[in-house]
Every structure is written in C-alpha cells, then in structure tokens.
Amino acid sequence: MPPTDPTPPEAHSHDLLLRGVRVHYQEMGHGPTLLLLHDVFADHRAWRRVLPLLAQRFRVIVPDLPGFGVSEKPTRYAFTREAFAETLCDLLAGVGAARAHVAGHALGAGIALTLAADHPEIVDRLALMHAVSSPAERSLGTRLPTIPVLGSLVFKQWFGRGMFHAHFRREVFAPGYRYDRATVDAWFEQFYPPEARECAWRTMERSVLDTSALGPKLAKVRAPTVVMWGDRARPSSQALGHQLVRQIRDARWELVAGAASGMWEEQPDAVAEGLIRYLLG
C-alpha cells in the first residue's frame, strides 16, 4: 500500500536556465530521484494528487516542459521528443542527479521512452502511462494538426475553452468522471496566449502525432519498464500498450482499475502504489 502520512513533505518551486531556456520545476521528498513528465496541454499540476504519496519514498522532480506551464515559451525550441529529452538530461544534471527513475504520461511517456533509449546511463527504471493513443481516441483538438492550413488557423486562433475541456472529457478521463474543472481552466489560461499556442502546436506536430521515430527506440530501451494503462481506456488503445510490452526488452503490463488515460487524476492511490512497488521492487 502507498504511504498515508497526513503530513507529506513540502514542495519547493525552482527555475533553471538550461541552454538558454528557463525551465520551472517542483521538488518534493527525499530518496531515489523520480522524474515525472506531464502530457500536452498540462503542466506539473497534473501530478498533484500522486506527488505527496510518491514524495514519501522518492525525491520527486516535476518539471513544466519547455513551452508549458510557467516554463519559458521559446518558439525557437525544436519541440521534438529528442529535444525535450536533452533538456531533461540537463535538468537532472542541474539538480545533481546522476541517475533517476522516469515516469511519464502520454507525451511525457514518449519523452521518457526517448530519454531511456538515448541515455540509458541516466535512467534506472521506466514507467510509461498511456504512452500512445489510437486515432479513435483523439479529440478534435488533437486532430487539428493533421488538417492542412485550416488546422493551424483553428488551433492557434479558435481553439476555445469549450474545445479544451472537451479534449479532457473525451481523450483523458473516463466517461462520466467528474474532473477538476478549475485545474483544466488554469491550463487553458496558460494555453491561451499566442506564444503558448504556438509551442503547443509545434509539440503536437513533432512529438504527439508523429510517432514514427518511437519504433526504433523501443529496442534500445534497457531500463526495466512498466507499461500502465487504465482499464476504461478503449480496447484499441490497450492493444497499443500490449504492443509496447512485447517490443521493450524488459517490460511488464499493469492495468489500473477505474481509470482511462488520466489515471494520475482518477486513481492516484493505485498509481502511486504501482509506481512505488515497481520502482523500488
């Protein structure tokens, strides 16, 4: 069972300048370093319900990826999974961590996988949560980059609050789940400025919808890996998760009951328990 101490350690916020880009992160707890990576349209607050649980066993580092949250919105940034992975190498060096466990959700999982494949000397164990999605799961907001010309215009100018919430209702959380609307509203406010939309657009194009570069990475992963999926995710999505387990050398499957993609929000106790059991096992 995950720890249930009612007085978890305090989170501390920091900024680091990494190759000219200001990256914000939160740090909480003591122990082996655990790096948590959020999805597109989100930031470090996606992990707020699991962070206090994990911080009782780990030193948890939770960044806002470049272009998201309160990190810098550098339109000159590449926004590929490889670029994010290199930034995270610098972040770990900046916080004095020679090695770390790495866990990511969706976009964050793709970046975590890339980090493990390209820098095996850094990653101890790997946790991939809903690492890829099937086309049937994608909301209009995440399909827009596939529409020539019009997609860019709609995404950058007309993608409003209603469409933003629809993305989380359709693509992240299970049908009927009463999610935290205030947090999603806060994410929308950070997404709303033109420079933030430009960063999100480029990330969607280069790191979310284009998954062709992930295939060759799978065979390079040496870190023991757990692939976590919600049992309320679509069967087509779960099939993609099982495919990851078959293609990664040392991987196991873990199904989280009562959750879809957003298991960190829907079932935080189960996610924390699974991560603690696997990463420290």
Protein backbone atom coordinates (compact mmCIF):
# COMPACT_ATOMS: atom_id res chain seq x y z
CA MET A 1 0.00 0.00 0.00
CA PRO A 2 1.18 3.59 -0.61
CA PRO A 3 2.15 5.64 2.41
CA THR A 4 -0.66 7.61 4.05
CA ASP A 5 1.25 10.07 6.23
CA PRO A 6 -1.13 13.06 6.68
CA THR A 7 1.80 15.48 6.73
CA PRO A 8 3.71 14.85 3.50
CA PRO A 9 6.91 16.78 2.75
CA GLU A 10 6.63 20.28 1.38
CA ALA A 11 7.03 21.01 -2.34
CA HIS A 12 9.54 23.63 -3.42
CA SER A 13 9.46 25.53 -6.72
CA HIS A 14 12.60 26.37 -8.69
CA ASP A 15 13.73 27.63 -12.08
CA LEU A 16 16.83 26.58 -14.01
CA LEU A 17 18.30 28.13 -17.14
CA LEU A 18 19.10 25.20 -19.45
CA ARG A 19 20.84 26.04 -22.74
CA GLY A 20 19.18 29.44 -22.69
CA VAL A 21 15.67 28.17 -21.84
CA ARG A 22 14.14 28.82 -18.42
CA VAL A 23 12.58 25.62 -17.06
CA HIS A 24 10.35 25.58 -13.99
CA TYR A 25 10.11 22.54 -11.75
CA GLN A 26 8.83 21.43 -8.39
CA GLU A 27 10.79 19.25 -5.99
CA MET A 28 9.41 17.25 -3.09
CA GLY A 29 10.68 14.48 -0.84
CA HIS A 30 13.89 12.56 -0.26
CA GLY A 31 15.26 9.28 -1.57
CA PRO A 32 15.97 7.96 -5.07
CA THR A 33 15.26 10.58 -7.73
CA LEU A 34 11.99 10.19 -9.66
CA LEU A 35 11.29 12.42 -12.67
CA LEU A 36 7.58 12.87 -13.57
CA LEU A 37 6.65 14.14 -17.06
CA HIS A 38 3.26 15.60 -17.98
CA ASP A 39 1.20 15.43 -21.18
CA VAL A 40 0.49 18.14 -23.76
CA PHE A 41 -1.96 20.87 -22.58
CA ALA A 42 -0.97 20.18 -18.94
CA ASP A 43 1.89 21.03 -16.56
CA HIS A 44 3.35 19.86 -13.23
CA ARG A 45 -0.06 20.15 -11.57
CA ALA A 46 -1.21 17.01 -13.38
CA TRP A 47 0.69 15.07 -10.70
CA ARG A 48 -0.63 16.98 -7.69
CA ARG A 49 -2.64 14.04 -6.30
CA VAL A 50 0.16 11.46 -6.55
CA LEU A 51 3.07 13.77 -5.73
CA PRO A 52 2.63 13.78 -1.90
CA LEU A 53 2.37 9.97 -1.90
CA LEU A 54 5.45 9.45 -4.03
CA ALA A 55 7.45 12.08 -2.14
CA GLN A 56 7.41 9.87 0.95
CA ARG A 57 9.63 7.39 -0.87
CA PHE A 58 11.39 9.44 -3.57
CA ARG A 59 13.00 12.76 -4.28
CA VAL A 60 10.43 13.75 -6.91
CA ILE A 61 11.30 16.26 -9.66
CA VAL A 62 8.27 17.53 -11.60
CA PRO A 63 9.10 19.97 -14.42
CA ASP A 64 6.96 22.07 -16.67
CA LEU A 65 8.27 21.08 -20.09
CA PRO A 66 9.58 23.97 -22.23
CA GLY A 67 6.57 25.72 -23.76
CA PHE A 68 4.17 24.62 -21.00
CA GLY A 69 3.09 25.72 -17.53
CA VAL A 70 5.22 28.54 -16.19
CA SER A 71 8.35 27.46 -18.06
CA GLU A 72 9.56 29.72 -20.84
CA LYS A 73 7.65 29.64 -24.16
CA PRO A 74 10.66 29.51 -26.52
CA THR A 75 9.34 29.44 -30.09
CA ARG A 76 12.94 28.79 -31.22
CA TYR A 77 12.85 25.42 -29.41
CA ALA A 78 12.66 22.22 -31.51
CA PHE A 79 9.74 20.63 -29.56
CA THR A 80 10.73 17.11 -30.61
CA ARG A 81 10.89 14.25 -28.13
CA GLU A 82 14.67 14.26 -28.58
CA ALA A 83 14.90 17.96 -27.73
CA PHE A 84 12.78 17.51 -24.61
CA ALA A 85 14.93 14.52 -23.59
CA GLU A 86 18.14 16.54 -23.90
CA THR A 87 16.63 19.32 -21.80
CA LEU A 88 15.73 16.78 -19.13
CA CYS A 89 19.29 15.45 -19.13
CA ASP A 90 20.41 18.98 -18.36
CA LEU A 91 17.72 19.33 -15.69
CA LEU A 92 18.83 16.16 -13.90
CA ALA A 93 22.44 17.33 -14.03
CA GLY A 94 21.33 20.71 -12.70
CA VAL A 95 19.65 19.16 -9.66
CA GLY A 96 22.64 16.90 -9.01
CA ALA A 97 21.02 13.60 -10.03
CA ALA A 98 23.35 11.24 -11.89
CA ARG A 99 20.54 8.72 -12.41
CA ALA A 100 16.77 8.71 -11.97
CA HIS A 101 13.62 6.68 -12.32
CA VAL A 102 11.45 8.29 -15.00
CA ALA A 103 7.65 8.17 -15.34
CA GLY A 104 5.58 9.93 -17.95
CA HIS A 105 2.02 10.19 -19.21
CA ALA A 106 1.17 10.27 -22.94
CA LEU A 107 3.53 12.93 -24.41
CA GLY A 108 5.57 12.62 -21.22
CA ALA A 109 5.76 8.85 -21.71
CA GLY A 110 7.10 9.28 -25.24
CA ILE A 111 9.74 11.67 -23.92
CA ALA A 112 10.59 9.28 -21.06
CA LEU A 113 10.99 6.41 -23.54
CA THR A 114 13.24 8.57 -25.72
CA LEU A 115 15.34 9.55 -22.70
CA ALA A 116 15.75 5.88 -21.72
CA ALA A 117 16.68 4.85 -25.26
CA ASP A 118 19.12 7.69 -25.96
CA HIS A 119 20.62 7.97 -22.46
CA PRO A 120 20.49 4.53 -20.81
CA GLU A 121 23.21 5.63 -18.39
CA ILE A 122 20.73 8.05 -16.77
CA VAL A 123 17.50 6.03 -16.45
CA ASP A 124 17.21 3.38 -13.70
CA ARG A 125 13.60 2.26 -14.19
CA LEU A 126 10.90 3.47 -16.54
CA ALA A 127 7.11 3.85 -16.17
CA LEU A 128 5.03 4.59 -19.27
CA MET A 129 1.41 5.63 -18.68
CA HIS A 130 -0.91 5.52 -21.69
CA ALA A 131 2.14 6.11 -23.84
CA VAL A 132 0.33 6.14 -27.21
CA SER A 133 -3.27 6.72 -28.27
CA SER A 134 -5.34 5.24 -31.05
CA PRO A 135 -6.85 7.55 -33.72
CA ALA A 136 -10.33 6.70 -32.38
CA GLU A 137 -9.44 8.32 -29.05
CA ARG A 138 -8.28 11.64 -30.44
CA SER A 139 -10.45 14.67 -29.84
CA LEU A 140 -10.90 17.39 -32.44
CA GLY A 141 -8.25 19.47 -30.68
CA THR A 142 -5.57 16.82 -31.13
CA ARG A 143 -6.63 16.06 -34.72
CA LEU A 144 -6.32 19.67 -35.87
CA PRO A 145 -2.59 19.48 -36.74
CA THR A 146 -3.44 16.80 -39.34
CA ILE A 147 -5.68 19.23 -41.26
CA PRO A 148 -3.63 21.27 -43.78
CA VAL A 149 -3.79 25.07 -43.35
CA LEU A 150 -7.20 25.14 -41.65
CA GLY A 151 -5.98 23.07 -38.72
CA SER A 152 -3.28 25.57 -37.85
CA LEU A 153 -5.71 28.50 -38.03
CA VAL A 154 -8.33 26.84 -35.84
CA PHE A 155 -5.79 25.58 -33.29
CA LYS A 156 -3.97 28.88 -32.91
CA GLN A 157 -6.96 31.24 -33.04
CA TRP A 158 -10.29 29.48 -32.42
CA PHE A 159 -9.46 26.60 -30.06
CA GLY A 160 -11.51 27.89 -27.14
CA ARG A 161 -12.28 26.87 -23.60
CA GLY A 162 -15.12 24.54 -24.58
CA MET A 163 -12.97 22.59 -27.03
CA PHE A 164 -10.16 22.48 -24.47
CA HIS A 165 -12.45 20.91 -21.85
CA ALA A 166 -13.84 18.53 -24.47
CA HIS A 167 -10.31 17.24 -25.05
CA PHE A 168 -10.00 16.24 -21.39
CA ARG A 169 -13.52 14.76 -21.24
CA ARG A 170 -13.07 12.71 -24.41
CA GLU A 171 -9.38 11.86 -24.53
CA VAL A 172 -8.06 11.94 -20.97
CA PHE A 173 -10.75 10.96 -18.48
CA ALA A 174 -13.26 8.11 -18.42
CA PRO A 175 -16.86 8.94 -19.45
CA GLY A 176 -18.73 10.50 -16.55
CA TYR A 177 -15.64 11.22 -14.45
CA ARG A 178 -16.04 14.49 -12.52
CA TYR A 179 -12.66 16.03 -13.17
CA ASP A 180 -11.21 19.15 -11.54
CA ARG A 181 -12.54 21.88 -13.84
CA ALA A 182 -10.57 24.61 -12.03
CA THR A 183 -7.24 22.97 -12.88
CA VAL A 184 -8.24 22.47 -16.52
CA ASP A 185 -9.38 26.12 -16.63
CA ALA A 186 -5.96 27.14 -15.29
CA TRP A 187 -4.28 25.07 -18.01
CA PHE A 188 -6.45 26.78 -20.61
CA GLU A 189 -5.43 30.22 -19.33
CA GLN A 190 -1.78 29.23 -19.77
CA PHE A 191 -2.52 27.81 -23.24
CA TYR A 192 -4.49 30.90 -24.36
CA PRO A 193 -1.65 33.38 -25.21
CA PRO A 194 -0.41 33.18 -28.83
CA GLU A 195 3.14 32.13 -27.91
CA ALA A 196 1.83 29.26 -25.76
CA ARG A 197 -0.45 28.05 -28.57
CA GLU A 198 2.47 28.14 -30.97
CA CYS A 199 4.51 25.95 -28.61
CA ALA A 200 1.62 23.51 -28.16
CA TRP A 201 1.04 23.37 -31.92
CA ARG A 202 4.66 22.55 -32.64
CA THR A 203 4.67 19.91 -29.90
CA MET A 204 1.54 18.31 -31.35
CA GLU A 205 3.06 18.21 -34.83
CA ARG A 206 6.50 16.94 -33.85
CA SER A 207 6.07 14.89 -30.67
CA VAL A 208 2.45 13.73 -30.37
CA LEU A 209 1.01 12.88 -33.79
CA ASP A 210 4.30 11.87 -35.42
CA THR A 211 5.23 8.66 -33.61
CA SER A 212 7.35 7.19 -36.42
CA ALA A 213 10.59 7.77 -34.51
CA LEU A 214 9.41 5.82 -31.45
CA GLY A 215 9.51 2.39 -33.09
CA PRO A 216 13.31 2.19 -33.47
CA LYS A 217 13.73 3.48 -29.89
CA LEU A 218 11.91 0.53 -28.31
CA ALA A 219 14.69 -1.99 -28.92
CA LYS A 220 17.21 0.42 -27.39
CA VAL A 221 15.47 0.64 -24.02
CA ARG A 222 17.46 -1.29 -21.39
CA ALA A 223 15.74 0.02 -18.27
CA PRO A 224 13.20 -2.30 -16.62
CA THR A 225 9.85 -0.87 -17.70
CA VAL A 226 6.26 -0.95 -16.50
CA VAL A 227 3.55 -0.03 -19.02
CA MET A 228 0.50 1.28 -17.14
CA TRP A 229 -2.94 1.59 -18.73
CA GLY A 230 -6.41 2.35 -17.41
CA ASP A 231 -8.98 -0.42 -17.76
CA ARG A 232 -11.52 2.14 -19.00
CA ALA A 233 -9.36 3.13 -21.96
CA ARG A 234 -10.58 1.93 -25.35
CA PRO A 235 -9.61 -1.65 -26.30
CA SER A 236 -7.76 -0.31 -29.36
CA SER A 237 -5.65 1.82 -27.05
CA GLN A 238 -4.92 -1.07 -24.69
CA ALA A 239 -3.80 -3.14 -27.68
CA LEU A 240 -1.17 -0.48 -28.42
CA GLY A 241 0.02 -0.74 -24.82
CA HIS A 242 0.38 -4.51 -25.07
CA GLN A 243 2.40 -3.99 -28.24
CA LEU A 244 4.84 -1.80 -26.29
CA VAL A 245 5.26 -4.57 -23.71
CA ARG A 246 6.14 -7.05 -26.46
CA GLN A 247 8.67 -4.72 -28.08
CA ILE A 248 10.55 -3.48 -25.00
CA ARG A 249 13.11 -5.98 -23.75
CA ASP A 250 12.27 -5.97 -20.03
CA ALA A 251 8.69 -4.74 -19.75
CA ARG A 252 5.60 -5.70 -17.81
CA TRP A 253 1.95 -4.69 -18.02
CA GLU A 254 -0.10 -3.12 -15.24
CA LEU A 255 -3.80 -2.33 -15.57
CA VAL A 256 -5.20 0.43 -13.35
CA ALA A 257 -8.82 -0.24 -12.42
CA GLY A 258 -11.37 2.55 -12.72
CA ALA A 259 -9.30 4.85 -14.93
CA ALA A 260 -8.87 5.84 -18.55
CA SER A 261 -5.81 7.78 -19.73
CA GLY A 262 -5.80 10.24 -16.81
CA MET A 263 -5.06 7.63 -14.18
CA TRP A 264 -2.90 10.09 -12.18
CA GLU A 265 -6.11 12.08 -11.51
CA GLU A 266 -8.73 9.33 -11.49
CA GLN A 267 -6.91 6.73 -9.35
CA PRO A 268 -3.94 8.45 -7.64
CA ASP A 269 -3.62 5.90 -4.82
CA ALA A 270 -3.43 2.98 -7.24
CA VAL A 271 -0.94 4.80 -9.47
CA ALA A 272 1.29 5.74 -6.51
CA GLU A 273 1.12 2.21 -5.14
CA GLY A 274 2.01 0.72 -8.53
CA LEU A 275 4.94 3.07 -9.05
CA ILE A 276 6.33 2.52 -5.55
CA ARG A 277 6.00 -1.25 -5.87
CA TYR A 278 7.64 -1.39 -9.28
CA LEU A 279 10.33 1.27 -9.00
CA LEU A 280 11.51 0.11 -5.57
CA GLY A 281 10.88 -3.61 -6.12
